[in-house]
């Protein structure tokens, strides 16, 4: 039944009547269906999770997970470009990255390389974890197992420095586990949200310092203790990035679910209205990102400095993005860092999520099941052939800048949708086989 509010309107203006009941397929109608059906199995849908495993979930969870997976595609694009820029060993490519790009290409690169692409992962993960997996479980054990097993690539003799202890996925997965521990503690003991946010800032600084002490670089001759610690824990460097990631995760877990629920119920009640609102939000987001990139290219950086306290050395504001390494064989100073530059990232991610919710990207489902695989394949970015190909597309071709950007995005799409997808499917099959083996082993042990 469709209910319209046509009060104070004549017959000619009936098309201006306000819709009371939401149109089917809108976010408002989805919220109403989810609230009325609860856990009714007739309202569930099949969905592949981040590991490519098929699950039956509610309509709202299916929508939110697919939205998060779309966000991850853009986030990994930013991480890809950043790591190509920061860790490229090709001298010619380094020269192009640092100052020889055309203005249009520089704005594109800076638009993608802003910090929101990293914070996006932890904000979305915090939101989903608080809603659908607030307690620790088997998935967290599997996550930590990857942290321990990824260094085997270095032990097997791979020459790529990212294939072992320095694999980017180790830092990401270990930081995510620290975030999950914080959220689980907060929900279990029902600590007030604002108080726990303050507690979280203190605890991540302490954890980061303790892990920093165990790093082999703190001593000229690292012994077995350092080697074991390096295998069991991923280094939290830089501490600023570690602190920011935990902070935005807690914000996404504790405050964004309520905010998203209110915004969704107050949104447009027609699909046409949703498309108009989504297009408006996309325009605002793109203009914001491009204007920030333009200002960054002129001024260097617009971000606020972090508020940092260094033990025994006083109190000051610092704009250092990556703290210097500790002096060999000397314990590093204890640094207390309060991230002050995450508010802009949180607003950008929320704006992007709202734009995607109302007007999603027309991406094939193949992309939704490739984020984790693409993360595991990040050592490919250190491959000289991959760097040469991307450098040629972005800098050396004589085509228009839009053609070069299009070709680069095409390479990224192939890397993401083909290699990332295959890798993720392989990891998912291995995870399923391992789980089945452990279940059989457990049953045999229990029966005896």
Protein backbone atom coordinates (compact mmCIF):
# COMPACT_ATOMS: atom_id res chain seq x y z
CA UNK A 1 0.00 0.00 0.00
CA UNK A 2 1.25 3.45 -0.97
CA UNK A 3 0.41 6.35 1.35
CA UNK A 4 0.82 9.94 0.15
CA UNK A 5 0.44 13.21 2.02
CA UNK A 6 -1.54 15.49 -0.33
CA UNK A 7 -2.92 17.87 2.22
CA UNK A 8 -3.21 21.51 1.10
CA UNK A 9 -2.66 20.45 -2.52
CA UNK A 10 -5.13 20.81 -5.37
CA UNK A 11 -5.70 18.13 -7.99
CA UNK A 12 -3.27 19.75 -10.44
CA UNK A 13 -0.45 19.60 -7.89
CA UNK A 14 -0.98 15.96 -6.94
CA UNK A 15 2.48 15.05 -8.29
CA UNK A 16 3.97 17.20 -5.51
CA UNK A 17 2.44 15.02 -2.81
CA UNK A 18 4.87 13.81 -0.16
CA UNK A 19 5.35 10.04 -0.01
CA UNK A 20 4.75 8.52 3.43
CA UNK A 21 5.46 4.85 2.74
CA UNK A 22 8.95 4.28 1.28
CA UNK A 23 9.33 2.87 -2.21
CA UNK A 24 10.56 -0.72 -2.42
CA UNK A 25 14.32 -0.96 -2.88
CA UNK A 26 15.19 2.21 -0.95
CA UNK A 27 17.31 2.33 2.18
CA UNK A 28 14.33 3.42 4.24
CA UNK A 29 12.31 0.41 3.13
CA UNK A 30 15.27 -1.87 3.85
CA UNK A 31 15.49 -0.52 7.39
CA UNK A 32 11.75 -1.09 7.88
CA UNK A 33 11.95 -4.66 6.55
CA UNK A 34 14.96 -5.45 8.74
CA UNK A 35 13.22 -4.05 11.83
CA UNK A 36 9.99 -5.96 11.20
CA UNK A 37 11.46 -9.30 10.08
CA UNK A 38 14.26 -9.54 12.65
CA UNK A 39 16.04 -12.85 12.09
CA UNK A 40 13.38 -14.31 9.80
CA UNK A 41 15.21 -16.79 7.56
CA UNK A 42 12.90 -15.94 4.65
CA UNK A 43 14.46 -12.49 4.56
CA UNK A 44 18.07 -13.71 4.32
CA UNK A 45 20.32 -13.54 1.28
CA UNK A 46 23.43 -15.39 0.15
CA UNK A 47 26.65 -13.38 0.21
CA UNK A 48 30.37 -14.02 -0.16
CA UNK A 49 32.37 -12.61 2.74
CA UNK A 50 35.81 -10.98 2.54
CA UNK A 51 37.48 -14.41 2.28
CA UNK A 52 35.19 -15.56 -0.52
CA UNK A 53 33.14 -17.88 1.74
CA UNK A 54 29.39 -18.16 1.07
CA UNK A 55 27.11 -17.18 3.97
CA UNK A 56 23.41 -16.53 4.59
CA UNK A 57 22.94 -13.04 6.00
CA UNK A 58 20.17 -10.51 6.50
CA UNK A 59 19.24 -7.94 3.88
CA UNK A 60 20.79 -5.09 5.84
CA UNK A 61 24.04 -6.96 6.51
CA UNK A 62 24.31 -7.95 2.85
CA UNK A 63 23.90 -4.33 1.79
CA UNK A 64 26.40 -2.99 4.32
CA UNK A 65 29.06 -5.60 3.56
CA UNK A 66 28.76 -5.00 -0.18
CA UNK A 67 29.05 -1.27 0.48
CA UNK A 68 32.21 -1.84 2.54
CA UNK A 69 33.70 -4.02 -0.20
CA UNK A 70 33.13 -1.20 -2.71
CA UNK A 71 34.93 1.17 -0.37
CA UNK A 72 37.83 -1.28 -0.12
CA UNK A 73 38.30 -1.17 -3.90
CA UNK A 74 38.96 2.58 -3.78
CA UNK A 75 41.03 2.22 -0.63
CA UNK A 76 43.33 -0.35 -2.20
CA UNK A 77 43.73 1.88 -5.24
CA UNK A 78 45.10 4.59 -2.94
CA UNK A 79 47.37 2.16 -1.11
CA UNK A 80 48.68 0.85 -4.44
CA UNK A 81 49.65 4.32 -5.69
CA UNK A 82 51.14 5.29 -2.33
CA UNK A 83 53.39 2.24 -2.16
CA UNK A 84 54.46 2.71 -5.77
CA UNK A 85 55.41 6.28 -4.89
CA UNK A 86 57.06 5.62 -1.53
CA UNK A 87 58.92 2.37 -2.19
CA UNK A 88 59.76 2.36 -5.88
CA UNK A 89 63.39 1.38 -6.55
CA UNK A 90 63.29 2.60 -10.14
CA UNK A 91 65.32 5.88 -10.24
CA UNK A 92 63.51 7.18 -13.29
CA UNK A 93 60.13 6.45 -11.72
CA UNK A 94 61.20 8.09 -8.46
CA UNK A 95 62.20 11.23 -10.37
CA UNK A 96 58.82 11.39 -12.05
CA UNK A 97 56.92 10.84 -8.81
CA UNK A 98 58.78 13.66 -7.06
CA UNK A 99 58.02 16.78 -9.01
CA UNK A 100 57.96 16.05 -12.74
CA UNK A 101 54.30 15.04 -13.12
CA UNK A 102 51.94 17.29 -15.04
CA UNK A 103 49.45 19.31 -12.93
CA UNK A 104 46.50 17.12 -13.93
CA UNK A 105 48.35 13.92 -13.14
CA UNK A 106 49.69 15.35 -9.88
CA UNK A 107 46.15 16.21 -8.74
CA UNK A 108 44.97 12.68 -9.61
CA UNK A 109 47.85 11.13 -7.65
CA UNK A 110 47.37 13.38 -4.63
CA UNK A 111 43.60 12.80 -4.70
CA UNK A 112 44.18 9.08 -4.29
CA UNK A 113 47.12 9.30 -1.87
CA UNK A 114 45.34 11.20 0.90
CA UNK A 115 45.07 9.49 4.27
CA UNK A 116 41.40 8.66 3.97
CA UNK A 117 42.22 5.63 1.81
CA UNK A 118 43.91 3.92 4.79
CA UNK A 119 41.45 5.11 7.44
CA UNK A 120 38.63 3.87 5.21
CA UNK A 121 39.52 0.22 5.93
CA UNK A 122 39.50 0.60 9.69
CA UNK A 123 36.36 2.76 9.83
CA UNK A 124 34.43 0.25 7.72
CA UNK A 125 35.87 -2.71 9.66
CA UNK A 126 34.93 -1.09 12.98
CA UNK A 127 31.39 -0.48 11.78
CA UNK A 128 30.87 -4.04 10.54
CA UNK A 129 32.57 -5.70 13.51
CA UNK A 130 30.44 -3.82 16.04
CA UNK A 131 27.27 -4.88 14.23
CA UNK A 132 27.91 -8.48 13.21
CA UNK A 133 31.01 -9.87 14.96
CA UNK A 134 31.68 -7.98 18.21
CA UNK A 135 33.33 -10.91 19.98
CA UNK A 136 36.61 -12.61 19.21
CA UNK A 137 36.43 -15.96 17.45
CA UNK A 138 37.87 -18.32 14.87
CA UNK A 139 38.29 -15.57 12.28
CA UNK A 140 40.64 -13.71 14.61
CA UNK A 141 42.68 -16.88 15.15
CA UNK A 142 42.97 -17.25 11.37
CA UNK A 143 43.99 -13.60 11.07
CA UNK A 144 46.79 -14.04 13.60
CA UNK A 145 47.87 -17.25 11.88
CA UNK A 146 48.43 -15.23 8.71
CA UNK A 147 50.54 -12.73 10.67
CA UNK A 148 52.77 -15.61 11.77
CA UNK A 149 52.80 -17.49 8.47
CA UNK A 150 53.43 -14.63 6.03
CA UNK A 151 57.15 -14.38 6.98
CA UNK A 152 57.62 -17.89 5.57
CA UNK A 153 58.04 -16.24 2.18
CA UNK A 154 61.34 -14.77 3.38
CA UNK A 155 62.37 -18.06 4.95
CA UNK A 156 61.73 -19.81 1.64
CA UNK A 157 64.26 -17.58 -0.08
CA UNK A 158 62.09 -15.07 -1.96
CA UNK A 159 64.13 -12.00 -2.83
CA UNK A 160 61.24 -9.54 -2.64
CA UNK A 161 61.57 -7.69 0.72
CA UNK A 162 57.79 -7.53 1.06
CA UNK A 163 57.31 -11.28 0.79
CA UNK A 164 58.39 -11.94 4.38
CA UNK A 165 58.51 -10.05 7.65
CA UNK A 166 57.85 -6.71 5.96
CA UNK A 167 54.74 -7.85 4.08
CA UNK A 168 52.24 -4.93 4.21
CA UNK A 169 49.41 -7.33 5.05
CA UNK A 170 51.16 -8.25 8.32
CA UNK A 171 50.96 -4.69 9.58
CA UNK A 172 47.34 -4.36 8.47
CA UNK A 173 46.17 -7.66 9.97
CA UNK A 174 48.05 -7.16 13.24
CA UNK A 175 46.70 -3.63 13.64
CA UNK A 176 43.21 -4.95 12.91
CA UNK A 177 43.64 -7.52 15.68
CA UNK A 178 44.63 -4.77 18.12
CA UNK A 179 41.51 -2.87 17.09
CA UNK A 180 39.35 -5.96 17.62
CA UNK A 181 40.81 -6.49 21.10
CA UNK A 182 39.96 -2.92 22.07
CA UNK A 183 36.38 -3.15 20.79
CA UNK A 184 35.78 -6.54 22.40
CA UNK A 185 36.97 -5.21 25.77
CA UNK A 186 34.77 -2.11 25.49
CA UNK A 187 31.62 -4.05 24.66
CA UNK A 188 32.23 -6.80 27.19
CA UNK A 189 32.67 -4.45 30.15
CA UNK A 190 30.29 -1.77 28.82
CA UNK A 191 32.79 1.05 29.26
CA UNK A 192 31.37 4.50 28.34
CA UNK A 193 32.29 5.26 24.75
CA UNK A 194 34.03 8.59 25.26
CA UNK A 195 35.98 7.28 28.24
CA UNK A 196 37.08 4.21 26.33
CA UNK A 197 38.20 6.31 23.39
CA UNK A 198 40.57 8.11 25.77
CA UNK A 199 41.66 4.78 27.25
CA UNK A 200 42.25 3.45 23.74
CA UNK A 201 44.56 6.35 22.87
CA UNK A 202 46.64 5.63 25.97
CA UNK A 203 46.75 1.86 25.47
CA UNK A 204 47.81 1.93 21.81
CA UNK A 205 50.73 4.18 22.69
CA UNK A 206 51.85 1.75 25.40
CA UNK A 207 51.40 -1.30 23.15
CA UNK A 208 53.24 0.45 20.33
CA UNK A 209 56.17 1.27 22.61
CA UNK A 210 56.43 -2.28 23.96
CA UNK A 211 56.41 -3.72 20.45
CA UNK A 212 58.96 -1.15 19.35
CA UNK A 213 61.37 -2.34 22.05
CA UNK A 214 61.23 -5.90 20.70
CA UNK A 215 62.27 -4.84 17.20
CA UNK A 216 65.73 -6.05 16.08
CA UNK A 217 66.74 -2.53 15.05
CA UNK A 218 67.04 -1.61 18.73
CA UNK A 219 70.21 -3.68 18.91
CA UNK A 220 73.17 -4.20 16.62
CA UNK A 221 73.18 -7.97 17.25
CA UNK A 222 69.60 -9.23 17.46
CA UNK A 223 69.30 -12.54 19.24
CA UNK A 224 66.66 -15.28 19.21
CA UNK A 225 64.32 -13.20 21.39
CA UNK A 226 64.18 -10.49 18.74
CA UNK A 227 63.67 -13.06 16.00
CA UNK A 228 60.77 -14.71 17.84
CA UNK A 229 59.19 -11.35 18.62
CA UNK A 230 59.55 -10.31 15.01
CA UNK A 231 57.79 -13.49 13.87
CA UNK A 232 54.95 -13.24 16.41
CA UNK A 233 54.26 -9.52 16.14
CA UNK A 234 54.24 -7.08 13.28
CA UNK A 235 56.11 -3.82 13.96
CA UNK A 236 53.68 -0.96 14.67
CA UNK A 237 55.81 1.60 12.82
CA UNK A 238 55.11 4.34 12.22
CA UNK A 239 53.42 4.79 15.59
CA UNK A 240 51.35 7.66 14.26
CA UNK A 241 49.71 5.44 11.65
CA UNK A 242 49.15 2.71 14.25
CA UNK A 243 47.46 5.15 16.64
CA UNK A 244 45.32 6.71 13.93
CA UNK A 245 44.10 3.33 12.70
CA UNK A 246 42.96 2.19 16.15
CA UNK A 247 41.33 5.55 16.84
CA UNK A 248 39.25 5.67 13.64
CA UNK A 249 38.32 1.99 14.13
CA UNK A 250 36.88 2.77 17.57
CA UNK A 251 34.99 5.76 16.18
CA UNK A 252 33.56 3.57 13.42
CA UNK A 253 32.58 0.88 15.93
CA UNK A 254 31.08 3.04 18.68
CA UNK A 255 29.39 6.01 16.98
CA UNK A 256 28.86 5.43 13.27
CA UNK A 257 26.24 2.63 13.53
CA UNK A 258 23.79 4.92 15.33
CA UNK A 259 24.57 7.81 12.99
CA UNK A 260 24.10 5.63 9.91
CA UNK A 261 20.78 4.30 11.22
CA UNK A 262 19.40 7.79 11.80
CA UNK A 263 20.58 9.07 8.40
CA UNK A 264 19.15 6.02 6.59
CA UNK A 265 15.70 6.37 8.15
CA UNK A 266 15.62 10.11 7.35
CA UNK A 267 16.73 9.63 3.74
CA UNK A 268 14.72 9.83 0.50
CA UNK A 269 11.69 7.55 0.22
CA UNK A 270 11.93 7.10 -3.55
CA UNK A 271 14.66 5.58 -5.68
CA UNK A 272 14.74 8.67 -7.84
CA UNK A 273 15.34 10.83 -4.76
CA UNK A 274 18.13 8.50 -3.67
CA UNK A 275 19.87 8.82 -7.02
CA UNK A 276 19.66 12.62 -6.90
CA UNK A 277 21.03 12.70 -3.35
CA UNK A 278 23.77 10.20 -4.23
CA UNK A 279 24.85 12.25 -7.25
CA UNK A 280 24.98 15.39 -5.11
CA UNK A 281 27.11 13.66 -2.48
CA UNK A 282 29.46 12.30 -5.17
CA UNK A 283 29.96 15.80 -6.57
CA UNK A 284 30.68 17.22 -3.11
CA UNK A 285 33.13 14.40 -2.33
CA UNK A 286 35.03 14.71 -5.62
CA UNK A 287 35.27 18.50 -5.32
CA UNK A 288 36.52 18.16 -1.74
CA UNK A 289 39.16 15.58 -2.67
CA UNK A 290 40.35 17.46 -5.76
CA UNK A 291 40.50 20.80 -3.90
CA UNK A 292 42.49 19.17 -1.10
CA UNK A 293 44.86 17.65 -3.67
CA UNK A 294 45.27 20.99 -5.41
CA UNK A 295 46.09 22.74 -2.14
CA UNK A 296 48.49 19.94 -1.15
CA UNK A 297 50.34 20.31 -4.45
CA UNK A 298 50.81 24.02 -3.74
CA UNK A 299 51.35 24.11 0.01
CA UNK A 300 52.75 20.64 0.73
CA UNK A 301 50.26 19.39 3.34
CA UNK A 302 47.04 20.67 4.90
CA UNK A 303 46.87 18.17 7.75
CA UNK A 304 47.02 19.30 11.37
CA UNK A 305 50.17 18.26 13.23
CA UNK A 306 49.84 15.51 15.80
CA UNK A 307 49.86 16.32 19.49
CA UNK A 308 52.86 14.46 20.83
CA UNK A 309 54.35 14.07 24.30
CA UNK A 310 57.88 12.70 24.52
CA UNK A 311 58.82 11.35 27.92
CA UNK A 312 61.42 13.49 29.78
CA UNK A 313 61.68 15.88 26.86
CA UNK A 314 58.60 18.01 27.40
CA UNK A 315 55.58 18.81 25.31
CA UNK A 316 55.26 20.18 21.79
CA UNK A 317 53.46 20.03 18.49
CA UNK A 318 55.20 18.19 15.73
CA UNK A 319 54.52 17.77 12.04
CA UNK A 320 56.88 14.83 11.59
CA UNK A 321 55.03 12.18 9.67
CA UNK A 322 57.39 9.28 10.42
CA UNK A 323 59.34 9.38 13.72
CA UNK A 324 63.03 8.63 13.43
CA UNK A 325 64.33 5.15 14.15
CA UNK A 326 65.65 4.38 17.65
CA UNK A 327 69.37 4.63 18.32
CA UNK A 328 71.00 1.16 18.09
CA UNK A 329 71.21 -0.66 21.44
CA UNK A 330 69.41 2.19 23.24
CA UNK A 331 65.80 1.93 24.33
CA UNK A 332 63.68 4.40 22.35
CA UNK A 333 62.02 7.31 24.12
CA UNK A 334 58.42 6.77 25.09
CA UNK A 335 56.21 8.82 22.80
CA UNK A 336 52.61 9.63 23.55
CA UNK A 337 50.86 10.58 20.31
CA UNK A 338 47.29 11.86 20.10
CA UNK A 339 46.23 11.91 16.43
CA UNK A 340 44.64 15.29 15.68
CA UNK A 341 44.27 14.97 11.91
CA UNK A 342 41.73 12.16 11.57
CA UNK A 343 38.54 14.22 11.71
CA UNK A 344 38.83 15.18 8.04
CA UNK A 345 39.41 11.55 7.03
CA UNK A 346 36.39 10.36 9.01
CA UNK A 347 34.17 12.99 7.36
CA UNK A 348 35.47 12.08 3.90
CA UNK A 349 34.86 8.38 4.45
CA UNK A 350 31.35 9.02 5.78
CA UNK A 351 30.58 11.24 2.80
CA UNK A 352 31.95 8.63 0.37
CA UNK A 353 29.97 5.85 2.07
CA UNK A 354 26.75 7.85 1.87
CA UNK A 355 27.36 8.64 -1.80
CA UNK A 356 27.99 4.96 -2.57
CA UNK A 357 24.97 3.88 -0.54
CA UNK A 358 22.59 6.00 -2.60
CA UNK A 359 24.43 5.79 -5.92
CA UNK A 360 26.80 2.79 -5.91
CA UNK A 361 29.59 2.18 -8.38
CA UNK A 362 28.66 -0.12 -11.25
CA UNK A 363 31.32 -2.70 -10.42
CA UNK A 364 31.03 -6.41 -11.26
CA UNK A 365 30.68 -8.79 -8.34
CA UNK A 366 34.15 -10.05 -9.20
CA UNK A 367 35.64 -6.96 -7.56
CA UNK A 368 33.80 -7.57 -4.29
CA UNK A 369 35.62 -10.86 -3.76
CA UNK A 370 39.16 -9.65 -4.45
CA UNK A 371 40.09 -7.12 -1.74
CA UNK A 372 41.85 -9.55 0.58
CA UNK A 373 43.63 -11.29 -2.29
CA UNK A 374 44.86 -7.95 -3.65
CA UNK A 375 46.22 -7.10 -0.19
CA UNK A 376 48.15 -10.37 -0.03
CA UNK A 377 49.60 -9.74 -3.51
CA UNK A 378 51.02 -6.32 -2.64
CA UNK A 379 54.62 -7.59 -2.91
CA UNK A 380 54.03 -7.43 -6.68
CA UNK A 381 54.34 -3.65 -6.34
CA UNK A 382 58.04 -4.16 -5.66
CA UNK A 383 58.49 -6.09 -8.88
CA UNK A 384 60.61 -4.10 -11.34
CA UNK A 385 58.46 -5.09 -14.33
CA UNK A 386 55.27 -3.97 -12.58
CA UNK A 387 56.86 -0.66 -11.61
CA UNK A 388 58.15 -0.12 -15.14
CA UNK A 389 54.71 -0.81 -16.64
CA UNK A 390 52.87 1.54 -14.30
CA UNK A 391 55.55 4.20 -14.70
CA UNK A 392 55.30 3.97 -18.48
CA UNK A 393 51.51 4.38 -18.41
CA UNK A 394 51.56 7.33 -16.02
CA UNK A 395 54.63 9.28 -17.11
CA UNK A 396 56.36 8.14 -20.28
CA UNK A 397 53.46 7.83 -22.71
CA UNK A 398 52.90 10.82 -24.98
CA UNK A 399 49.13 10.52 -24.76
CA UNK A 400 46.73 12.88 -22.99
CA UNK A 401 46.71 12.72 -19.20
CA UNK A 402 43.20 11.23 -19.13
CA UNK A 403 44.31 8.43 -21.46
CA UNK A 404 47.28 7.65 -19.21
CA UNK A 405 45.09 7.62 -16.09
CA UNK A 406 42.59 5.36 -17.88
CA UNK A 407 45.34 2.89 -18.82
CA UNK A 408 46.71 2.88 -15.29
CA UNK A 409 43.25 2.18 -13.87
CA UNK A 410 42.93 -0.62 -16.45
CA UNK A 411 46.14 -2.22 -15.17
CA UNK A 412 44.89 -1.85 -11.60
CA UNK A 413 41.56 -3.43 -12.57
CA UNK A 414 43.28 -6.46 -14.05
CA UNK A 415 45.54 -6.79 -11.01
CA UNK A 416 42.56 -6.46 -8.68
CA UNK A 417 39.84 -8.41 -10.47
CA UNK A 418 41.96 -11.24 -11.88
CA UNK A 419 45.03 -11.79 -9.69
CA UNK A 420 43.38 -10.58 -6.49
CA UNK A 421 40.26 -12.65 -7.12
CA UNK A 422 42.20 -15.84 -7.86
CA UNK A 423 44.39 -15.35 -4.80
CA UNK A 424 41.38 -14.77 -2.56
CA UNK A 425 39.56 -17.82 -3.90
CA UNK A 426 42.68 -19.92 -3.26
CA UNK A 427 43.02 -18.63 0.31
CA UNK A 428 39.32 -19.28 0.89
CA UNK A 429 39.61 -22.89 -0.31
CA UNK A 430 42.67 -23.43 1.88
CA UNK A 431 40.81 -21.96 4.87
CA UNK A 432 37.83 -24.26 4.28
CA UNK A 433 40.06 -27.31 3.91
CA UNK A 434 42.02 -26.42 7.05
CA UNK A 435 38.82 -25.92 9.03
CA UNK A 436 37.48 -29.29 7.89
CA UNK A 437 40.73 -31.02 8.86
CA UNK A 438 40.74 -29.42 12.30
CA UNK A 439 37.12 -30.45 12.86
CA UNK A 440 37.87 -34.06 11.93
CA UNK A 441 40.95 -34.10 14.14
CA UNK A 442 38.99 -32.63 17.03
CA UNK A 443 36.20 -35.19 16.63
CA UNK A 444 38.68 -38.07 16.60
CA UNK A 445 40.41 -36.76 19.70
CA UNK A 446 37.07 -36.27 21.44
CA UNK A 447 35.87 -39.76 20.54
CA UNK A 448 39.00 -41.39 21.94
